[in-house]
PDB file of N, CA and C in Angstrom:
ATOM      1  N   MET A   1      12.500-221.962  38.835  1.00  0.00           N
ATOM      2  CA  MET A   1      13.400-220.887  38.412  1.00  0.00           C
ATOM      3  C   MET A   1      13.160-220.560  36.946  1.00  0.00           C
ATOM      4  N   ASP A   2      12.833-221.548  36.117  1.00  0.00           N
ATOM      5  CA  ASP A   2      12.648-221.302  34.671  1.00  0.00           C
ATOM      6  C   ASP A   2      11.503-220.309  34.413  1.00  0.00           C
ATOM      7  N   LYS A   3      10.419-220.426  35.153  1.00  0.00           N
ATOM      8  CA  LYS A   3       9.297-219.514  34.948  1.00  0.00           C
ATOM      9  C   LYS A   3       9.690-218.095  35.336  1.00  0.00           C
ATOM     10  N   ARG A   4      10.527-217.983  36.350  1.00  0.00           N
ATOM     11  CA  ARG A   4      10.992-216.659  36.771  1.00  0.00           C
ATOM     12  C   ARG A   4      11.835-216.024  35.676  1.00  0.00           C
ATOM     13  N   ILE A   5      12.739-216.815  35.087  1.00  0.00           N
ATOM     14  CA  ILE A   5      13.570-216.281  34.002  1.00  0.00           C
ATOM     15  C   ILE A   5      12.741-215.918  32.778  1.00  0.00           C
ATOM     16  N   GLU A   6      11.775-216.790  32.471  1.00  0.00           N
ATOM     17  CA  GLU A   6      10.879-216.481  31.348  1.00  0.00           C
ATOM     18  C   GLU A   6      10.141-215.132  31.574  1.00  0.00           C
ATOM     19  N   ARG A   7       9.686-214.932  32.788  1.00  0.00           N
ATOM     20  CA  ARG A   7       8.977-213.696  33.122  1.00  0.00           C
ATOM     21  C   ARG A   7       9.902-212.490  33.054  1.00  0.00           C
ATOM     22  N   ILE A   8      11.127-212.645  33.548  1.00  0.00           N
ATOM     23  CA  ILE A   8      12.115-211.573  33.483  1.00  0.00           C
ATOM     24  C   ILE A   8      12.368-211.206  32.021  1.00  0.00           C
ATOM     25  N   ASN A   9      12.573-212.224  31.181  1.00  0.00           N
ATOM     26  CA  ASN A   9      12.829-211.978  29.768  1.00  0.00           C
ATOM     27  C   ASN A   9      11.618-211.332  29.073  1.00  0.00           C
ATOM     28  N   PHE A  10      10.434-211.797  29.429  1.00  0.00           N
ATOM     29  CA  PHE A  10       9.207-211.204  28.843  1.00  0.00           C
ATOM     30  C   PHE A  10       9.122-209.731  29.181  1.00  0.00           C
ATOM     31  N   LEU A  11       9.341-209.403  30.466  1.00  0.00           N
ATOM     32  CA  LEU A  11       9.248-208.002  30.903  1.00  0.00           C
ATOM     33  C   LEU A  11      10.357-207.150  30.263  1.00  0.00           C
ATOM     34  N   ALA A  12      11.543-207.729  30.072  1.00  0.00           N
ATOM     35  CA  ALA A  12      12.625-206.975  29.451  1.00  0.00           C
ATOM     36  C   ALA A  12      12.281-206.671  27.973  1.00  0.00           C
ATOM     37  N   LYS A  13      11.723-207.645  27.300  1.00  0.00           N
ATOM     38  CA  LYS A  13      11.344-207.439  25.886  1.00  0.00           C
ATOM     39  C   LYS A  13      10.215-206.417  25.793  1.00  0.00           C
ATOM     40  N   LYS A  14       9.267-206.525  26.700  1.00  0.00           N
ATOM     41  CA  LYS A  14       8.134-205.588  26.681  1.00  0.00           C
ATOM     42  C   LYS A  14       8.613-204.165  26.994  1.00  0.00           C
ATOM     43  N   ALA A  15       9.572-204.054  27.912  1.00  0.00           N
ATOM     44  CA  ALA A  15      10.110-202.742  28.255  1.00  0.00           C
ATOM     45  C   ALA A  15      10.742-202.069  27.041  1.00  0.00           C
ATOM     46  N   LYS A  16      11.372-202.870  26.209  1.00  0.00           N
ATOM     47  CA  LYS A  16      12.036-202.312  24.993  1.00  0.00           C
ATOM     48  C   LYS A  16      11.055-201.926  23.927  1.00  0.00           C
ATOM     49  N   THR A  17       9.951-202.682  23.813  1.00  0.00           N
ATOM     50  CA  THR A  17       9.012-202.444  22.737  1.00  0.00           C
ATOM     51  C   THR A  17       7.905-201.477  23.092  1.00  0.00           C
ATOM     52  N   GLU A  18       7.173-201.714  24.183  1.00  0.00           N
ATOM     53  CA  GLU A  18       6.050-200.859  24.508  1.00  0.00           C
ATOM     54  C   GLU A  18       6.150-200.121  25.799  1.00  0.00           C
ATOM     55  N   GLY A  19       7.091-200.517  26.661  1.00  0.00           N
ATOM     56  CA  GLY A  19       7.222-199.906  27.957  1.00  0.00           C
ATOM     57  C   GLY A  19       6.466-200.670  29.009  1.00  0.00           C
ATOM     58  N   LEU A  20       6.787-200.438  30.264  1.00  0.00           N
ATOM     59  CA  LEU A  20       6.173-201.140  31.359  1.00  0.00           C
ATOM     60  C   LEU A  20       5.369-200.200  32.226  1.00  0.00           C
ATOM     61  N   THR A  21       4.339-200.758  32.841  1.00  0.00           N
ATOM     62  CA  THR A  21       3.590-199.994  33.805  1.00  0.00           C
ATOM     63  C   THR A  21       4.408-199.937  35.120  1.00  0.00           C
ATOM     64  N   ALA A  22       4.010-199.091  36.022  1.00  0.00           N
ATOM     65  CA  ALA A  22       4.726-199.006  37.302  1.00  0.00           C
ATOM     66  C   ALA A  22       4.702-200.337  38.034  1.00  0.00           C
ATOM     67  N   GLN A  23       3.590-201.034  37.964  1.00  0.00           N
ATOM     68  CA  GLN A  23       3.452-202.345  38.613  1.00  0.00           C
ATOM     69  C   GLN A  23       4.400-203.339  37.983  1.00  0.00           C
ATOM     70  N   GLU A  24       4.503-203.317  36.673  1.00  0.00           N
ATOM     71  CA  GLU A  24       5.384-204.258  35.979  1.00  0.00           C
ATOM     72  C   GLU A  24       6.888-203.911  36.240  1.00  0.00           C
ATOM     73  N   GLN A  25       7.189-202.641  36.356  1.00  0.00           N
ATOM     74  CA  GLN A  25       8.534-202.244  36.685  1.00  0.00           C
ATOM     75  C   GLN A  25       8.938-202.764  38.074  1.00  0.00           C
ATOM     76  N   GLU A  26       8.004-202.664  39.019  1.00  0.00           N
ATOM     77  CA  GLU A  26       8.246-203.164  40.359  1.00  0.00           C
ATOM     78  C   GLU A  26       8.421-204.677  40.373  1.00  0.00           C
ATOM     79  N   GLU A  27       7.593-205.376  39.605  1.00  0.00           N
ATOM     80  CA  GLU A  27       7.691-206.834  39.493  1.00  0.00           C
ATOM     81  C   GLU A  27       9.046-207.214  38.856  1.00  0.00           C
ATOM     82  N   GLN A  28       9.454-206.502  37.828  1.00  0.00           N
ATOM     83  CA  GLN A  28      10.716-206.783  37.177  1.00  0.00           C
ATOM     84  C   GLN A  28      11.887-206.584  38.138  1.00  0.00           C
ATOM     85  N   LYS A  29      11.844-205.508  38.906  1.00  0.00           N
ATOM     86  CA  LYS A  29      12.893-205.263  39.893  1.00  0.00           C
ATOM     87  C   LYS A  29      12.962-206.378  40.926  1.00  0.00           C
ATOM     88  N   LYS A  30      11.816-206.796  41.445  1.00  0.00           N
ATOM     89  CA  LYS A  30      11.751-207.844  42.432  1.00  0.00           C
ATOM     90  C   LYS A  30      12.268-209.167  41.883  1.00  0.00           C
ATOM     91  N   LEU A  31      11.836-209.511  40.656  1.00  0.00           N
ATOM     92  CA  LEU A  31      12.312-210.779  40.048  1.00  0.00           C
ATOM     93  C   LEU A  31      13.794-210.768  39.803  1.00  0.00           C
ATOM     94  N   ARG A  32      14.335-209.665  39.371  1.00  0.00           N
ATOM     95  CA  ARG A  32      15.777-209.568  39.169  1.00  0.00           C
ATOM     96  C   ARG A  32      16.549-209.738  40.471  1.00  0.00           C
ATOM     97  N   GLU A  33      16.070-209.101  41.509  1.00  0.00           N
ATOM     98  CA  GLU A  33      16.713-209.211  42.828  1.00  0.00           C
ATOM     99  C   GLU A  33      16.701-210.648  43.304  1.00  0.00           C
ATOM    100  N   GLU A  34      15.559-211.330  43.158  1.00  0.00           N
ATOM    101  CA  GLU A  34      15.447-212.731  43.572  1.00  0.00           C
ATOM    102  C   GLU A  34      16.416-213.608  42.749  1.00  0.00           C
ATOM    103  N   TYR A  35      16.492-213.372  41.465  1.00  0.00           N
ATOM    104  CA  TYR A  35      17.351-214.134  40.587  1.00  0.00           C
ATOM    105  C   TYR A  35      18.816-213.949  40.976  1.00  0.00           C
ATOM    106  N   ILE A  36      19.224-212.715  41.191  1.00  0.00           N
ATOM    107  CA  ILE A  36      20.620-212.429  41.562  1.00  0.00           C
ATOM    108  C   ILE A  36      20.963-213.076  42.915  1.00  0.00           C
ATOM    109  N   LYS A  37      20.025-213.008  43.856  1.00  0.00           N
ATOM    110  CA  LYS A  37      20.265-213.610  45.171  1.00  0.00           C
ATOM    111  C   LYS A  37      20.464-215.109  45.033  1.00  0.00           C
ATOM    112  N   ALA A  38      19.601-215.765  44.269  1.00  0.00           N
ATOM    113  CA  ALA A  38      19.699-217.225  44.047  1.00  0.00           C
ATOM    114  C   ALA A  38      20.989-217.573  43.331  1.00  0.00           C
ATOM    115  N   PHE A  39      21.385-216.769  42.346  1.00  0.00           N
ATOM    116  CA  PHE A  39      22.632-217.020  41.632  1.00  0.00           C
ATOM    117  C   PHE A  39      23.824-216.928  42.568  1.00  0.00           C
ATOM    118  N   ARG A  40      23.873-215.894  43.380  1.00  0.00           N
ATOM    119  CA  ARG A  40      24.994-215.721  44.307  1.00  0.00           C
ATOM    120  C   ARG A  40      25.085-216.858  45.302  1.00  0.00           C
ATOM    121  N   GLU A  41      23.940-217.274  45.847  1.00  0.00           N
ATOM    122  CA  GLU A  41      23.914-218.406  46.801  1.00  0.00           C
ATOM    123  C   GLU A  41      24.449-219.662  46.143  1.00  0.00           C
ATOM    124  N   SER A  42      23.998-219.931  44.925  1.00  0.00           N
ATOM    125  CA  SER A  42      24.427-221.106  44.203  1.00  0.00           C
ATOM    126  C   SER A  42      25.937-221.062  43.925  1.00  0.00           C
ATOM    127  N   PHE A  43      26.404-219.914  43.494  1.00  0.00           N
ATOM    128  CA  PHE A  43      27.821-219.755  43.194  1.00  0.00           C
ATOM    129  C   PHE A  43      28.697-219.901  44.453  1.00  0.00           C
ATOM    130  N   ARG A  44      28.218-219.355  45.548  1.00  0.00           N
ATOM    131  CA  ARG A  44      28.927-219.459  46.839  1.00  0.00           C
ATOM    132  C   ARG A  44      29.027-220.923  47.255  1.00  0.00           C
ATOM    133  N   ARG A  45      27.940-221.676  47.110  1.00  0.00           N
ATOM    134  CA  ARG A  45      27.978-223.101  47.475  1.00  0.00           C
ATOM    135  C   ARG A  45      28.936-223.861  46.548  1.00  0.00           C
ATOM    136  N   GLN A  46      28.985-223.488  45.310  1.00  0.00           N
ATOM    137  CA  GLN A  46      29.907-224.129  44.349  1.00  0.00           C
ATOM    138  C   GLN A  46      31.350-223.862  44.777  1.00  0.00           C
ATOM    139  N   LEU A  47      31.655-222.632  45.158  1.00  0.00           N
ATOM    140  CA  LEU A  47      33.009-222.313  45.595  1.00  0.00           C
ATOM    141  C   LEU A  47      33.377-223.012  46.875  1.00  0.00           C
ATOM    142  N   GLU A  48      32.424-223.166  47.779  1.00  0.00           N
ATOM    143  CA  GLU A  48      32.675-223.849  49.058  1.00  0.00           C
ATOM    144  C   GLU A  48      32.996-225.319  48.828  1.00  0.00           C
ATOM    145  N   ASN A  49      32.548-225.879  47.722  1.00  0.00           N
ATOM    146  CA  ASN A  49      32.832-227.296  47.408  1.00  0.00           C
ATOM    147  C   ASN A  49      33.947-227.460  46.393  1.00  0.00           C
ATOM    148  N   THR A  50      34.742-226.423  46.187  1.00  0.00           N
ATOM    149  CA  THR A  50      35.871-226.456  45.262  1.00  0.00           C
ATOM    150  C   THR A  50      37.143-226.758  45.999  1.00  0.00           C
ATOM    151  N   ASP A  51      37.951-227.638  45.445  1.00  0.00           N
ATOM    152  CA  ASP A  51      39.239-227.978  46.017  1.00  0.00           C
ATOM    153  C   ASP A  51      40.368-227.518  45.097  1.00  0.00           C
ATOM    154  N   ILE A  52      41.496-227.201  45.705  1.00  0.00           N
ATOM    155  CA  ILE A  52      42.693-226.796  44.975  1.00  0.00           C
ATOM    156  C   ILE A  52      43.682-227.960  45.031  1.00  0.00           C
ATOM    157  N   LYS A  53      44.231-228.335  43.873  1.00  0.00           N
ATOM    158  CA  LYS A  53      45.208-229.413  43.836  1.00  0.00           C
ATOM    159  C   LYS A  53      46.577-228.827  43.475  1.00  0.00           C
ATOM    160  N   TYR A  54      47.541-229.008  44.360  1.00  0.00           N
ATOM    161  CA  TYR A  54      48.893-228.544  44.112  1.00  0.00           C
ATOM    162  C   TYR A  54      49.630-229.525  43.222  1.00  0.00           C
ATOM    163  N   GLU A  55      50.737-229.098  42.636  1.00  0.00           N
ATOM    164  CA  GLU A  55      51.504-229.948  41.738  1.00  0.00           C
ATOM    165  C   GLU A  55      52.030-231.187  42.446  1.00  0.00           C
ATOM    166  N   ASP A  56      52.267-231.077  43.747  1.00  0.00           N
ATOM    167  CA  ASP A  56      52.764-232.250  44.502  1.00  0.00           C
ATOM    168  C   ASP A  56      51.642-233.243  44.839  1.00  0.00           C
ATOM    169  N   GLY A  57      50.407-232.955  44.436  1.00  0.00           N
ATOM    170  CA  GLY A  57      49.291-233.854  44.673  1.00  0.00           C
ATOM    171  C   GLY A  57      48.417-233.515  45.872  1.00  0.00           C
ATOM    172  N   GLU A  58      48.875-232.577  46.705  1.00  0.00           N
ATOM    173  CA  GLU A  58      48.102-232.191  47.867  1.00  0.00           C
ATOM    174  C   GLU A  58      46.813-231.505  47.407  1.00  0.00           C
ATOM    175  N   VAL A  59      45.705-231.881  48.025  1.00  0.00           N
ATOM    176  CA  VAL A  59      44.393-231.318  47.709  1.00  0.00           C
ATOM    177  C   VAL A  59      43.851-230.666  48.948  1.00  0.00           C
ATOM    178  N   ILE A  60      43.470-229.403  48.838  1.00  0.00           N
ATOM    179  CA  ILE A  60      42.934-228.686  49.994  1.00  0.00           C
ATOM    180  C   ILE A  60      41.655-227.923  49.573  1.00  0.00           C
ATOM    181  N   PRO A  61      40.724-227.695  50.477  1.00  0.00           N
ATOM    182  CA  PRO A  61      39.534-226.923  50.140  1.00  0.00           C
ATOM    183  C   PRO A  61      39.906-225.480  49.815  1.00  0.00           C
ATOM    184  N   LEU A  62      39.110-224.853  49.026  1.00  0.00           N
ATOM    185  CA  LEU A  62      39.350-223.456  48.633  1.00  0.00           C
ATOM    186  C   LEU A  62      39.434-222.551  49.855  1.00  0.00           C
ATOM    187  N   THR A  63      38.635-222.806  50.856  1.00  0.00           N
ATOM    188  CA  THR A  63      38.672-221.949  52.064  1.00  0.00           C
ATOM    189  C   THR A  63      40.030-222.026  52.741  1.00  0.00           C
ATOM    190  N   GLU A  64      40.620-223.219  52.786  1.00  0.00           N
ATOM    191  CA  GLU A  64      41.975-223.378  53.348  1.00  0.00           C
ATOM    192  C   GLU A  64      43.023-222.698  52.469  1.00  0.00           C
ATOM    193  N   PHE A  65      42.849-222.783  51.159  1.00  0.00           N
ATOM    194  CA  PHE A  65      43.766-222.149  50.227  1.00  0.00           C
ATOM    195  C   PHE A  65      43.769-220.639  50.445  1.00  0.00           C
ATOM    196  N   LYS A  66      42.578-220.049  50.668  1.00  0.00           N
ATOM    197  CA  LYS A  66      42.479-218.636  50.911  1.00  0.00           C
ATOM    198  C   LYS A  66      43.216-218.226  52.208  1.00  0.00           C
ATOM    199  N   LYS A  67      43.141-219.107  53.215  1.00  0.00           N
ATOM    200  CA  LYS A  67      43.823-218.832  54.471  1.00  0.00           C
ATOM    201  C   LYS A  67      45.344-218.867  54.307  1.00  0.00           C
ATOM    202  N   ARG A  68      45.809-219.826  53.538  1.00  0.00           N
ATOM    203  CA  ARG A  68      47.256-219.995  53.333  1.00  0.00           C
ATOM    204  C   ARG A  68      47.847-218.896  52.458  1.00  0.00           C
ATOM    205  N   ASN A  69      47.093-218.442  51.491  1.00  0.00           N
ATOM    206  CA  ASN A  69      47.580-217.464  50.524  1.00  0.00           C
ATOM    207  C   ASN A  69      46.771-216.205  50.592  1.00  0.00           C
ATOM    208  N   LYS A  70      47.305-215.233  51.326  1.00  0.00           N
ATOM    209  CA  LYS A  70      46.575-213.953  51.473  1.00  0.00           C
ATOM    210  C   LYS A  70      46.390-213.288  50.116  1.00  0.00           C
ATOM    211  N   ASN A  71      47.358-213.417  49.222  1.00  0.00           N
ATOM    212  CA  ASN A  71      47.295-212.846  47.888  1.00  0.00           C
ATOM    213  C   ASN A  71      47.731-213.929  46.884  1.00  0.00           C
ATOM    214  N   PRO A  72      46.805-214.852  46.526  1.00  0.00           N
ATOM    215  CA  PRO A  72      47.172-216.008  45.710  1.00  0.00           C
ATOM    216  C   PRO A  72      47.584-215.716  44.292  1.00  0.00           C
ATOM    217  N   LEU A  73      47.350-214.523  43.816  1.00  0.00           N
ATOM    218  CA  LEU A  73      47.657-214.216  42.424  1.00  0.00           C
ATOM    219  C   LEU A  73      49.099-213.774  42.209  1.00  0.00           C
ATOM    220  N   GLN A  74      49.865-213.652  43.272  1.00  0.00           N
ATOM    221  CA  GLN A  74      51.233-213.239  43.141  1.00  0.00           C
ATOM    222  C   GLN A  74      52.195-214.395  43.151  1.00  0.00           C
TER     223      GLN A  74
END
């Protein structure tokens, strides 16, 4: 993943200074899409492994919390 981020950053810097060729623009778009997809998958897994702890000590998975509380912010 680090090399992908380095390449994304390199292309972003180059785009600001000299501009990108059509091939580089396509590569940049593809790399960004891959990065966003990986980020979302990682974040989703993190949320799936998150538990909610109530004041009374009860601990439930976030998925169960969502089922119990249709609008938890109220």
